[in-house]
Protein backbone atom coordinates (compact mmCIF):
# COMPACT_ATOMS: atom_id res chain seq x y z
CA MET A 1 13.27 -45.54 39.78
CA GLN A 2 12.82 -42.04 41.13
CA ILE A 3 15.16 -39.15 40.47
CA SER A 4 15.56 -36.63 43.15
CA SER A 5 15.35 -32.85 42.65
CA VAL A 6 19.07 -32.55 43.62
CA GLU A 7 20.10 -34.88 40.83
CA VAL A 8 17.97 -32.90 38.32
CA ALA A 9 19.69 -29.73 39.43
CA ASN A 10 23.10 -31.25 39.07
CA SER A 11 22.38 -32.54 35.62
CA ARG A 12 21.20 -29.01 34.58
CA ASN A 13 24.39 -27.61 35.90
CA ARG A 14 26.56 -30.14 34.09
CA ASP A 15 24.66 -29.24 30.85
CA ALA A 16 25.24 -25.60 31.33
CA THR A 17 28.92 -26.22 32.10
CA ASP A 18 29.34 -28.45 29.06
CA PHE A 19 27.73 -25.80 26.89
CA GLU A 20 29.94 -23.05 28.19
CA GLY A 21 33.09 -25.23 28.05
CA ASP A 22 32.60 -27.05 24.76
CA SER A 23 29.87 -25.82 22.50
CA PHE A 24 30.18 -22.10 23.19
CA ALA A 25 33.96 -22.29 22.70
CA LYS A 26 33.40 -23.63 19.24
CA LEU A 27 30.97 -20.85 18.18
CA THR A 28 33.18 -18.55 16.05
CA PRO A 29 31.80 -16.10 13.56
CA HIS A 30 32.75 -18.44 10.68
CA SER A 31 31.00 -21.40 12.30
CA ILE A 32 27.91 -19.36 13.03
CA SER A 33 27.65 -18.20 9.35
CA ASP A 34 28.38 -21.70 8.17
CA ARG A 35 25.62 -23.18 10.28
CA PHE A 36 23.23 -20.43 9.18
CA PHE A 37 23.87 -20.93 5.44
CA ARG A 38 23.77 -24.62 5.75
CA SER A 39 20.37 -24.60 7.33
CA HIS A 40 18.88 -21.86 5.19
CA TRP A 41 20.54 -22.19 1.78
CA GLN A 42 17.43 -23.79 0.30
CA SER A 43 15.22 -20.96 1.53
CA PHE A 44 17.75 -18.39 0.08
CA PHE A 45 17.90 -20.21 -3.19
CA LEU A 46 14.02 -20.55 -3.52
CA ILE A 47 13.38 -16.94 -2.63
CA ALA A 48 16.14 -15.64 -4.92
CA MET A 49 15.04 -17.86 -7.82
CA VAL A 50 11.37 -16.77 -7.47
CA SER A 51 12.36 -13.09 -7.11
CA TRP A 52 14.54 -13.26 -10.24
CA LEU A 53 11.84 -14.84 -12.24
CA LEU A 54 9.19 -12.37 -11.10
CA ILE A 55 11.42 -9.34 -11.76
CA GLY A 56 12.36 -10.56 -15.24
CA ASN A 57 8.67 -11.10 -16.07
CA ALA A 58 7.74 -7.70 -14.74
CA TYR A 59 10.44 -5.82 -16.68
CA ARG A 60 9.58 -7.60 -19.93
CA GLY A 61 5.92 -6.70 -19.38
CA ALA A 62 6.74 -3.15 -18.58
CA ASN A 63 8.85 -2.65 -21.77
CA THR A 64 6.50 -4.04 -24.43
CA GLY A 65 5.92 -0.80 -26.34
CA ARG A 66 4.68 1.12 -23.31
CA VAL A 67 4.83 4.88 -23.13
CA HIS A 68 5.30 5.05 -19.31
CA GLU A 69 3.24 8.27 -19.29
CA ASP A 70 3.34 8.86 -15.50
CA PHE A 71 7.16 8.38 -15.46
CA GLN A 72 7.43 10.79 -18.37
CA THR A 73 5.39 13.29 -16.34
CA PHE A 74 7.73 12.85 -13.34
CA TYR A 75 10.86 12.98 -15.55
CA ASN A 76 9.73 16.20 -17.18
CA ALA A 77 8.91 17.68 -13.69
CA GLY A 78 12.42 16.79 -12.49
CA TYR A 79 13.91 18.21 -15.61
CA ARG A 80 12.09 21.54 -15.15
CA LEU A 81 13.26 21.70 -11.48
CA ASN A 82 16.80 20.93 -12.56
CA HIS A 83 16.73 23.90 -14.95
CA GLY A 84 14.97 26.41 -12.75
CA GLN A 85 11.64 26.16 -14.51
CA PRO A 86 8.17 26.23 -12.84
CA LEU A 87 6.92 22.83 -11.61
CA TYR A 88 3.28 23.37 -12.36
CA ASP A 89 2.97 24.56 -15.91
CA TRP A 90 -0.78 24.80 -15.69
CA LYS A 91 -1.12 27.39 -18.51
CA THR A 92 0.07 24.89 -21.14
CA TRP A 93 -2.81 22.63 -20.19
CA SER A 94 -5.56 25.15 -19.61
CA ASN A 95 -7.03 24.76 -23.04
CA ALA A 96 -6.18 21.05 -23.49
CA ASP A 97 -8.77 18.37 -23.44
CA ASP A 98 -9.35 16.57 -20.23
CA LEU A 99 -7.89 13.21 -21.37
CA HIS A 100 -4.66 14.80 -22.60
CA PHE A 101 -4.31 16.82 -19.36
CA ALA A 102 -5.01 13.75 -17.26
CA ARG A 103 -2.17 11.74 -18.92
CA PHE A 104 0.57 14.25 -19.43
CA SER A 105 0.26 17.21 -17.12
CA TYR A 106 2.06 17.27 -13.77
CA ASP A 107 -0.68 17.23 -11.16
CA TYR A 108 1.13 15.61 -8.19
CA THR A 109 2.57 17.00 -4.98
CA PRO A 110 6.02 18.70 -5.07
CA THR A 111 7.49 15.60 -3.41
CA VAL A 112 7.28 13.47 -6.48
CA GLY A 113 8.89 16.08 -8.69
CA ILE A 114 11.76 16.50 -6.19
CA ILE A 115 12.29 12.68 -6.02
CA ALA A 116 12.52 12.62 -9.87
CA ARG A 117 15.23 15.22 -10.02
CA PRO A 118 18.18 12.77 -9.78
CA PHE A 119 16.63 10.56 -12.52
CA ALA A 120 16.17 13.56 -14.82
CA VAL A 121 19.96 13.88 -15.11
CA PHE A 122 19.99 10.71 -17.31
CA SER A 123 18.30 10.05 -20.62
CA MET A 124 14.66 8.85 -20.57
CA ASP A 125 15.48 5.27 -21.24
CA THR A 126 18.23 5.06 -18.62
CA ALA A 127 16.18 6.99 -16.12
CA TYR A 128 13.24 4.55 -16.47
CA LYS A 129 15.49 1.48 -15.91
CA LEU A 130 16.81 3.16 -12.69
CA TRP A 131 13.29 4.00 -11.71
CA PHE A 132 12.14 0.41 -12.26
CA VAL A 133 15.01 -0.87 -10.10
CA SER A 134 14.15 1.52 -7.34
CA GLN A 135 10.42 0.53 -7.35
CA VAL A 136 11.32 -3.19 -7.28
CA LEU A 137 13.48 -2.50 -4.25
CA PHE A 138 10.64 -0.58 -2.46
CA LEU A 139 8.33 -3.55 -3.23
CA PHE A 140 10.75 -6.00 -1.80
CA GLY A 141 11.36 -3.69 1.21
CA ALA A 142 7.66 -3.66 1.81
CA ILE A 143 7.59 -7.52 1.87
CA ALA A 144 10.57 -7.56 4.17
CA LEU A 145 8.74 -5.13 6.60
CA PHE A 146 5.65 -7.26 6.43
CA ALA A 147 7.63 -10.31 7.23
CA ILE A 148 9.16 -8.48 10.22
CA PHE A 149 5.73 -7.58 11.43
CA SER A 150 4.43 -11.02 11.03
CA ASP A 151 7.50 -12.65 12.74
CA TYR A 152 8.40 -14.68 9.65
CA ALA A 153 11.90 -16.05 9.92
CA LEU A 154 13.91 -16.91 6.84
CA SER A 155 12.93 -20.54 7.35
CA GLY A 156 9.40 -19.56 6.69
CA THR A 157 9.85 -19.75 3.01
CA VAL A 158 6.23 -20.44 2.06
CA PRO A 159 4.69 -17.20 3.43
CA ILE A 160 7.50 -15.01 2.17
CA THR A 161 7.21 -16.68 -1.31
CA ILE A 162 3.47 -16.13 -1.21
CA CYS A 163 4.15 -12.49 -0.59
CA LEU A 164 6.60 -12.25 -3.47
CA ILE A 165 4.24 -13.89 -5.94
CA THR A 166 1.22 -11.90 -4.79
CA GLY A 167 3.26 -8.75 -4.83
CA MET A 168 4.78 -9.17 -8.31
CA HIS A 169 2.02 -11.10 -10.12
CA TYR A 170 -0.91 -8.72 -9.33
CA TRP A 171 -2.68 -6.57 -11.84
CA PRO A 172 -2.25 -3.17 -10.22
CA THR A 173 1.55 -4.02 -9.78
CA VAL A 174 1.64 -4.62 -13.51
CA CYS A 175 -0.10 -1.38 -14.24
CA ASN A 176 2.25 0.60 -11.76
CA PHE A 177 5.28 -0.81 -13.64
CA ASP A 178 3.71 0.01 -16.99
CA VAL A 179 3.04 3.64 -16.30
CA GLY A 180 6.03 4.19 -13.94
CA GLN A 181 4.11 5.27 -10.84
CA VAL A 182 5.56 6.18 -7.42
CA ASN A 183 3.15 4.02 -5.40
CA PHE A 184 5.67 1.41 -4.37
CA LEU A 185 7.36 4.00 -2.15
CA MET A 186 4.06 4.53 -0.27
CA LEU A 187 3.55 0.81 -0.01
CA PHE A 188 6.94 0.55 1.62
CA LEU A 189 5.98 3.28 4.06
CA LEU A 190 2.59 1.73 4.73
CA CYS A 191 4.19 -1.57 5.69
CA GLY A 192 6.52 0.39 7.95
CA LEU A 193 3.46 1.60 9.94
CA LEU A 194 2.79 -2.03 10.85
CA VAL A 195 6.28 -2.45 12.31
CA CYS A 196 5.96 0.86 14.20
CA GLN A 197 2.59 -0.24 15.56
CA LYS A 198 3.98 -3.69 16.68
CA ARG A 199 6.91 -1.98 18.53
CA SER A 200 4.65 0.70 19.94
CA GLN A 201 6.80 3.44 18.25
CA PHE A 202 3.81 5.73 17.81
CA THR A 203 5.79 8.94 17.26
CA ALA A 204 7.68 7.30 14.35
CA PHE A 205 4.28 6.08 13.16
CA GLY A 206 2.99 9.69 13.04
CA VAL A 207 6.11 10.87 11.25
CA ILE A 208 5.65 8.11 8.60
CA VAL A 209 1.97 9.15 8.10
CA GLY A 210 3.15 12.76 7.61
CA LEU A 211 5.70 11.61 4.95
CA LEU A 212 2.99 9.52 3.18
CA ALA A 213 0.78 12.54 3.08
CA CYS A 214 3.63 14.57 1.46
CA VAL A 215 3.68 12.06 -1.41
CA LYS A 216 -0.11 12.07 -1.83
CA TYR A 217 -2.26 14.29 0.33
CA TRP A 218 -5.06 11.85 0.86
CA ALA A 219 -2.80 9.71 3.15
CA ILE A 220 -3.35 12.31 5.89
CA GLY A 221 -6.59 10.41 6.47
CA LEU A 222 -4.59 7.81 8.32
CA THR A 223 -4.35 10.31 11.16
CA CYS A 224 -8.08 9.58 11.88
CA LEU A 225 -7.06 6.08 13.04
CA LEU A 226 -4.53 7.63 15.47
CA LEU A 227 -7.13 9.93 16.79
CA LEU A 228 -9.51 7.07 17.31
CA GLN A 229 -6.79 5.28 19.31
CA ARG A 230 -6.20 8.50 21.36
CA LYS A 231 -2.60 8.72 20.18
CA TRP A 232 -2.41 12.49 20.53
CA ARG A 233 1.40 12.81 20.31
CA ALA A 234 1.56 10.65 17.19
CA SER A 235 -1.37 12.60 15.58
CA PHE A 236 0.50 15.78 16.39
CA ALA A 237 3.76 14.36 14.87
CA ALA A 238 1.97 13.36 11.68
CA ILE A 239 0.36 16.84 11.20
CA CYS A 240 3.59 18.68 12.03
CA THR A 241 5.65 16.48 9.61
CA PHE A 242 3.16 16.97 6.85
CA ALA A 243 2.99 20.73 7.42
CA GLY A 244 6.72 21.22 7.93
CA VAL A 245 7.82 19.13 4.96
CA THR A 246 5.15 20.76 2.62
CA THR A 247 6.26 24.23 3.71
CA LEU A 248 9.92 23.45 3.02
CA GLN A 249 9.06 22.09 -0.47
CA PHE A 250 7.18 25.19 -1.51
CA ALA A 251 9.91 27.33 -0.07
CA PHE A 252 12.40 25.30 -2.23
CA ILE A 253 10.44 25.43 -5.51
CA GLY A 254 8.95 28.93 -5.03
CA TRP A 255 5.87 30.21 -3.18
CA SER A 256 4.26 31.16 -6.51
CA GLU A 257 3.82 27.52 -7.13
CA VAL A 258 1.11 27.37 -4.38
CA GLY A 259 -1.42 29.18 -6.56
CA ASN A 260 -0.48 27.12 -9.61
CA PHE A 261 -0.87 23.91 -7.59
CA SER A 262 -4.26 24.92 -6.37
CA ILE A 263 -5.35 25.47 -10.02
CA VAL A 264 -3.99 22.17 -11.19
CA ALA A 265 -5.56 20.23 -8.18
CA THR A 266 -9.04 21.83 -8.90
CA LYS A 267 -8.83 20.78 -12.52
CA VAL A 268 -7.88 17.26 -11.56
CA VAL A 269 -10.80 16.90 -9.21
CA THR A 270 -13.46 18.54 -11.39
CA GLN A 271 -12.46 17.45 -14.96
CA VAL A 272 -10.06 14.60 -15.02
CA THR A 273 -12.62 12.39 -13.28
CA LYS A 274 -14.68 12.88 -16.37
CA ALA A 275 -11.88 11.87 -18.64
CA LEU A 276 -10.60 8.81 -16.74
CA PRO A 277 -12.80 6.32 -14.78
CA SER A 278 -12.31 6.77 -11.04
CA GLN A 279 -12.57 3.38 -9.19
CA SER A 280 -14.45 4.92 -6.24
CA VAL A 281 -17.96 5.98 -5.30
CA PHE A 282 -17.35 9.21 -7.19
CA GLY A 283 -16.56 7.36 -10.40
CA PHE A 284 -19.51 5.05 -9.86
CA PHE A 285 -22.06 7.84 -9.54
CA ARG A 286 -20.29 9.87 -12.22
CA MET A 287 -20.86 7.00 -14.67
CA LEU A 288 -24.39 6.40 -13.32
CA PHE A 289 -25.56 10.06 -13.61
CA SER A 290 -23.37 12.06 -15.99
CA GLU A 291 -21.87 11.84 -19.40
CA THR A 292 -18.16 11.20 -19.55
CA ALA A 293 -15.49 10.58 -22.20
CA PHE A 294 -15.86 6.81 -21.66
CA SER A 295 -19.53 6.23 -21.11
CA LYS A 296 -23.12 7.43 -21.43
CA PRO A 297 -25.19 8.02 -18.27
CA MET A 298 -27.43 5.13 -17.18
CA LEU A 299 -29.71 7.48 -15.21
CA PRO A 300 -29.26 11.10 -16.71
CA LEU A 301 -29.61 13.50 -13.85
CA ASN A 302 -28.06 16.87 -12.98
CA ASP A 303 -24.93 17.51 -10.95
CA ILE A 304 -27.00 18.07 -7.77
CA ALA A 305 -28.15 14.47 -7.78
CA TYR A 306 -24.57 13.35 -8.45
CA TRP A 307 -23.10 15.24 -5.44
CA PHE A 308 -26.01 14.27 -3.22
CA ALA A 309 -25.51 10.58 -3.99
CA CYS A 310 -21.73 10.92 -3.47
CA ALA A 311 -22.39 12.55 -0.12
CA ILE A 312 -24.75 9.84 1.00
CA ALA A 313 -22.44 6.99 -0.02
CA CYS A 314 -19.32 8.56 1.44
CA ALA A 315 -21.12 9.20 4.76
CA SER A 316 -22.39 5.61 4.81
CA ILE A 317 -18.88 4.09 4.13
CA ALA A 318 -17.16 6.43 6.54
CA GLY A 319 -19.82 5.92 9.19
CA ILE A 320 -19.85 2.17 9.02
CA SER A 321 -16.00 2.03 9.12
CA TYR A 322 -15.87 4.35 12.04
CA PHE A 323 -18.50 2.40 13.98
CA VAL A 324 -16.76 -0.97 13.44
CA ILE A 325 -13.33 0.38 14.24
CA ARG A 326 -14.52 2.32 17.29
CA ASN A 327 -16.40 -0.56 18.77
CA THR A 328 -13.82 -3.22 18.26
CA PRO A 329 -11.45 -3.66 21.31
CA VAL A 330 -7.76 -2.87 20.80
CA SER A 331 -5.74 -6.12 20.56
CA THR A 332 -2.82 -7.50 18.92
CA LYS A 333 -4.87 -9.28 16.24
CA ALA A 334 -7.40 -6.44 15.72
CA VAL A 335 -5.07 -3.54 15.18
CA PRO A 336 -3.70 -4.62 11.75
CA LEU A 337 -7.31 -5.40 10.59
CA LYS A 338 -8.25 -1.84 11.53
CA TYR A 339 -5.45 -0.54 9.31
CA ALA A 340 -6.68 -2.79 6.50
CA LEU A 341 -10.28 -1.45 6.82
CA THR A 342 -9.00 2.14 6.98
CA ILE A 343 -6.95 1.77 3.76
CA GLN A 344 -9.88 0.32 1.88
CA SER A 345 -12.27 3.01 3.16
CA ILE A 346 -9.91 5.72 1.97
CA LEU A 347 -9.62 4.15 -1.45
CA LEU A 348 -13.32 3.93 -1.86
CA LEU A 349 -13.79 7.62 -0.90
CA LEU A 350 -11.07 9.17 -3.20
CA PRO A 351 -12.41 11.57 -5.80
CA ALA A 352 -9.85 10.22 -8.32
CA CYS A 353 -8.86 6.62 -7.61
CA HIS A 354 -7.27 4.69 -10.61
CA ILE A 355 -6.24 1.00 -10.87
CA VAL A 356 -2.66 1.88 -9.91
CA TYR A 357 -3.82 2.90 -6.44
CA PHE A 358 -4.92 -0.55 -5.64
CA ILE A 359 -1.31 -1.51 -5.05
CA PHE A 360 -2.14 -0.28 -1.48
CA SER A 361 -4.67 -3.01 -1.33
CA LEU A 362 -1.81 -5.44 -1.50
CA ARG A 363 -0.97 -4.85 2.15
CA VAL A 364 -4.69 -5.44 2.97
CA LEU A 365 -4.52 -8.78 1.13
CA TRP A 366 -1.38 -9.79 3.01
CA ILE A 367 -3.02 -9.03 6.36
CA LEU A 368 -6.18 -10.99 5.41
CA LEU A 369 -4.19 -13.92 3.95
CA PHE A 370 -2.10 -14.44 7.07
CA ILE A 371 -3.43 -12.75 10.18
CA PRO A 372 -7.07 -14.01 10.71
CA ALA A 373 -6.28 -17.78 10.20
CA ARG A 374 -3.53 -17.56 12.75
CA HIS A 375 -5.88 -16.65 15.54
CA SER A 376 -9.08 -18.43 14.98
CA SER A 377 -10.56 -21.37 13.04
CA ARG A 378 -13.15 -19.01 11.44
CA GLY A 379 -10.32 -16.90 10.08
CA ALA A 380 -9.78 -19.55 7.49
CA TYR A 381 -12.96 -18.39 5.72
CA ILE A 382 -11.44 -14.75 5.57
CA THR A 383 -8.22 -16.25 4.22
CA LEU A 384 -10.16 -18.15 1.55
CA GLY A 385 -12.08 -14.95 0.60
CA ALA A 386 -8.82 -12.99 0.30
CA ALA A 387 -7.27 -15.64 -1.74
CA SER A 388 -10.25 -15.63 -4.13
CA LEU A 389 -10.12 -11.81 -4.51
CA TYR A 390 -6.31 -12.01 -5.22
CA LEU A 391 -6.94 -14.68 -7.94
CA VAL A 392 -9.42 -12.35 -9.62
CA ALA A 393 -7.01 -9.41 -9.54
CA MET A 394 -3.95 -11.43 -10.53
CA HIS A 395 -5.14 -11.49 -14.18
CA TRP A 396 -8.01 -9.05 -14.52
CA PRO A 397 -10.52 -11.11 -16.69
CA PHE A 398 -13.09 -8.44 -17.30
CA PRO A 399 -13.25 -6.05 -20.32
CA ASP A 400 -12.74 -2.34 -19.88
CA THR A 401 -16.20 -1.50 -21.31
CA GLY A 402 -19.73 -1.03 -20.06
CA VAL A 403 -20.48 -1.83 -16.41
CA TRP A 404 -17.06 -3.60 -16.01
CA LEU A 405 -15.30 -0.34 -16.64
CA LEU A 406 -15.40 0.17 -12.86
CA GLY A 407 -14.61 -3.49 -12.11
CA PHE A 408 -11.96 -2.55 -9.54
CA PHE A 409 -14.49 -0.47 -7.65
CA TYR A 410 -16.64 -3.55 -7.18
CA TRP A 411 -13.50 -5.47 -6.29
CA SER A 412 -12.46 -2.91 -3.75
CA LEU A 413 -15.96 -2.84 -2.25
CA ALA A 414 -15.78 -6.61 -1.76
CA LEU A 415 -12.32 -6.32 -0.08
CA TRP A 416 -13.75 -3.56 2.17
CA LEU A 417 -16.55 -5.86 3.25
CA LEU A 418 -14.19 -8.72 3.80
CA SER A 419 -11.92 -6.52 5.91
CA MET A 420 -14.91 -5.41 8.01
CA CYS A 421 -16.00 -9.11 8.59
CA ALA A 422 -12.43 -10.06 9.59
CA LEU A 423 -12.45 -7.24 12.12
CA LEU A 424 -15.87 -8.17 13.49
CA LEU A 425 -14.70 -11.81 13.92
CA ALA A 426 -11.32 -10.74 15.44
CA ASP A 427 -12.34 -10.88 19.10
CA LYS A 428 -15.26 -13.31 18.92
CA PRO A 429 -14.67 -16.31 21.23
CA GLU A 430 -14.15 -19.63 19.60
CA PRO A 431 -17.16 -21.96 19.61
CA VAL A 432 -16.89 -24.66 22.35
CA GLN A 433 -16.99 -28.08 20.94
CA VAL A 434 -18.80 -30.58 23.17
CA THR A 435 -17.73 -34.20 22.82
CA ALA A 436 -19.68 -37.08 24.10
């Protein structure tokens, strides 16, 4: 029996009429919400339960006799600003030993001190609890933005739960909660960059890069990726946002703080890297060539050899990253991988890079866990490599002595190589399978 095209058209019209007359008339706000919660209540329950368990575990771990030294530094900075005192009290620390200076002096941008001002109104204990809640919210916000970028609906419980577990049960996350760092705010903004890229809102992208750089100046390096993509307006927005906000901040805290900040920043770069291990090429060659507070040199050489080795290594990493990013076509699947490679390159090249900074590698892990396998069969190997690296960083199994003192540098180098492989494979055609 054959059905004519006229009968098919009439059937479609009847279906549309029935939908408009019956089904649509029954769709009230109450019925819509009722259907939504009936279909997604299991996802809500699972995500809420996992979140609550992870938050409780993180809070207990962060309050087991910890000093929260970074938060104490932020709190004291906010207290000084609230009482009209200078933000950078470098004279107090000018004669202090490097380790004491590294742990308790305020050597951050004015942004962090200004953010800490409302917390400094409360007692230290109450302020830290509020700070912990704010950091958890930023972490959850970062996961939500990554879910938006990846088009994960609420029904996609598995990927969201994986993001929650990897986000909360991750050694740099534990360290950030322990010391009370501000890096979760930056992770939130970094995930916002992915959403801006997906929606082609490049001016907003540039503004967010400028705000990131106001929190920690090294983030201005993300402008290089905009320049490579010839996004001139976004690059201009990033530079203007950074310059404008920084100018307003120093105008607010006093122009005399510019000189104090330059002195503190110089001390951080030149001396603190000798007191605390830097998980970057600078820390690696410092431990290799120079005597530090935590190690003896393996190859005792002078500072000229140290700086020469650092220059060669930095040029190599930057050059390889530039070549791979520049020669990979711009596509939907390649762009997030370019961001992943850029973030890891910046972390490897930082003069002072500590374990807490590898919270930014969390976004790189999320990209490598979900993006490559979605587009090609060979991407499964990238996903497997990213999962293996996460399992290593989930509970750091190596001692903080000897060669393993820079264990996260080796881990970061492996993640950088994996990001580069993922980008090189992004636009490779799938092998054709010939069947007999």
